[in-house]
Every structure is written in C-alpha cells, then in structure tokens.
Amino acid sequence: MLLDALQTVVAAAHAAGGRLVVVDAVHERALSFYERYGFIRIGRTLRLYLKVTRIESSLKAAGLTSCLLSGAVADHRPPVRRPRYIVVPLSPVGLPAGPA
C-alpha cells in the first residue's frame, strides 16, 4: 500500500506540483515503519517527511518507472507553480492505532 501511495504522490507531483510527502505517524511503531522506508523525522514529533525527488529516484532504481509515465509527465505540459507540499494521509498496514 505504501508503494502504491508513493507512486500516486510522484504522479500527482508531476501533474500538479509538490516537493515533499509529509506523514503524521499515529504512534512510535508507525514512526519506525516510515523511518525504515527513508522518511525523516521532524524534531521530536511524530511527523516525518520524504522528498518527492528521492521517492522518484528510488522507484526508478527499483525499475518502477512505468507508473511515472502517465498524465502530465507523458503529455509534456509546461511546468506549473509547485506548492510547498502535498498532504496525503497514509496509514501503515497491520499497525493498530494506539492512544494519541
């Protein structure tokens, strides 16, 4: 599910702009889950981020470039003004939500 979400984020970033994926982990176990996939913790919070360029590089290195060739990327639209970030709610599979 995380891979699918990150592929969608990269496609959305190409279509509408975006530079970071920001997630709010629901608890420490979820925080560890995201850190295993390269997300960087912001201070002592449960908030993490990952650059879209790093996600794209990782997908290309894994041979998953076909997902990047649809929509705005394929039709070569002129670049759009990119927002600072796109917020996509993600939840790790198999981790129960704990107390906040």
Protein backbone atom coordinates (compact mmCIF):
# COMPACT_ATOMS: atom_id res chain seq x y z
CA MET A 1 0.00 0.00 0.00
CA LEU A 2 2.81 2.40 0.80
CA LEU A 3 4.42 1.77 -2.59
CA ASP A 4 1.13 2.46 -4.35
CA ALA A 5 0.62 5.66 -2.35
CA LEU A 6 4.14 6.89 -3.13
CA GLN A 7 3.69 6.14 -6.85
CA THR A 8 0.48 8.18 -6.76
CA VAL A 9 2.25 11.04 -4.97
CA VAL A 10 5.01 11.16 -7.60
CA ALA A 11 2.44 11.24 -10.41
CA ALA A 12 0.49 13.98 -8.59
CA ALA A 13 3.68 15.98 -8.01
CA HIS A 14 4.39 15.89 -11.75
CA ALA A 15 0.81 16.85 -12.61
CA ALA A 16 0.11 19.50 -10.01
CA GLY A 17 3.37 20.17 -8.23
CA GLY A 18 4.74 19.17 -4.88
CA ARG A 19 8.12 18.59 -3.32
CA LEU A 20 7.59 16.70 -0.07
CA VAL A 21 5.49 13.91 1.34
CA VAL A 22 4.63 14.66 4.95
CA VAL A 23 3.14 11.98 7.20
CA ASP A 24 1.90 12.09 10.76
CA ALA A 25 2.60 8.73 12.41
CA VAL A 26 -0.12 7.59 14.79
CA HIS A 27 2.37 6.17 17.33
CA GLU A 28 6.03 5.19 17.78
CA ARG A 29 5.65 1.86 15.96
CA ALA A 30 4.25 3.65 12.92
CA LEU A 31 7.11 6.15 13.18
CA SER A 32 9.61 3.27 12.97
CA PHE A 33 7.75 1.86 9.96
CA TYR A 34 8.14 5.10 8.00
CA GLU A 35 11.77 5.56 9.07
CA ARG A 36 12.57 2.12 7.61
CA TYR A 37 11.43 3.48 4.24
CA GLY A 38 13.62 6.59 4.41
CA PHE A 39 11.24 9.13 5.92
CA ILE A 40 12.98 11.71 8.09
CA ARG A 41 11.58 12.63 11.48
CA ILE A 42 10.93 16.31 12.20
CA GLY A 43 12.28 17.09 15.65
CA ARG A 44 10.70 15.06 18.46
CA THR A 45 7.27 14.98 16.82
CA LEU A 46 5.57 12.05 15.12
CA ARG A 47 5.73 13.98 11.83
CA LEU A 48 8.08 12.78 9.07
CA TYR A 49 8.87 13.84 5.51
CA LEU A 50 10.44 12.48 2.35
CA LYS A 51 11.38 14.45 -0.77
CA VAL A 52 9.47 13.57 -3.93
CA THR A 53 12.77 13.54 -5.85
CA ARG A 54 14.10 10.83 -3.52
CA ILE A 55 10.93 8.78 -3.93
CA GLU A 56 11.19 9.12 -7.70
CA SER A 57 14.86 8.07 -7.67
CA SER A 58 14.05 5.03 -5.55
CA LEU A 59 11.20 4.00 -7.85
CA LYS A 60 13.44 4.33 -10.90
CA ALA A 61 16.22 2.32 -9.22
CA ALA A 62 13.68 -0.42 -8.48
CA GLY A 63 12.59 -0.44 -12.12
CA LEU A 64 9.17 1.02 -11.37
CA THR A 65 9.27 3.85 -13.91
CA SER A 66 6.11 2.89 -15.82
CA CYS A 67 4.00 4.48 -13.09
CA LEU A 68 5.80 7.78 -13.69
CA LEU A 69 4.95 7.98 -17.39
CA SER A 70 1.26 8.83 -17.23
CA GLY A 71 -0.76 12.02 -17.14
CA ALA A 72 1.10 15.32 -17.15
CA VAL A 73 4.51 13.69 -17.48
CA ALA A 74 3.67 11.97 -20.75
CA ASP A 75 1.99 14.92 -22.47
CA HIS A 76 4.80 17.38 -21.63
CA ARG A 77 2.67 20.18 -20.24
CA PRO A 78 4.57 23.29 -19.23
CA PRO A 79 5.68 23.27 -15.59
CA VAL A 80 3.24 24.60 -13.04
CA ARG A 81 3.96 26.57 -9.91
CA ARG A 82 4.64 23.95 -7.26
CA PRO A 83 3.04 24.17 -3.82
CA ARG A 84 5.28 23.72 -0.82
CA TYR A 85 3.88 20.26 -0.08
CA ILE A 86 1.03 17.84 -0.75
CA VAL A 87 -0.57 16.21 2.27
CA VAL A 88 -1.54 12.59 1.65
CA PRO A 89 -2.90 10.65 4.61
CA LEU A 90 -1.09 7.30 4.87
CA SER A 91 -1.58 4.51 7.35
CA PRO A 92 0.79 1.55 7.74
CA VAL A 93 -0.83 -1.84 7.22
CA GLY A 94 -1.13 -4.10 10.23
CA LEU A 95 -0.33 -1.50 12.85
CA PRO A 96 -3.23 -0.82 15.19
CA ALA A 97 -3.91 2.79 16.06
CA GLY A 98 -2.74 3.41 19.60
CA PRO A 99 -3.58 6.20 22.00
CA ALA A 100 -2.51 9.63 20.78
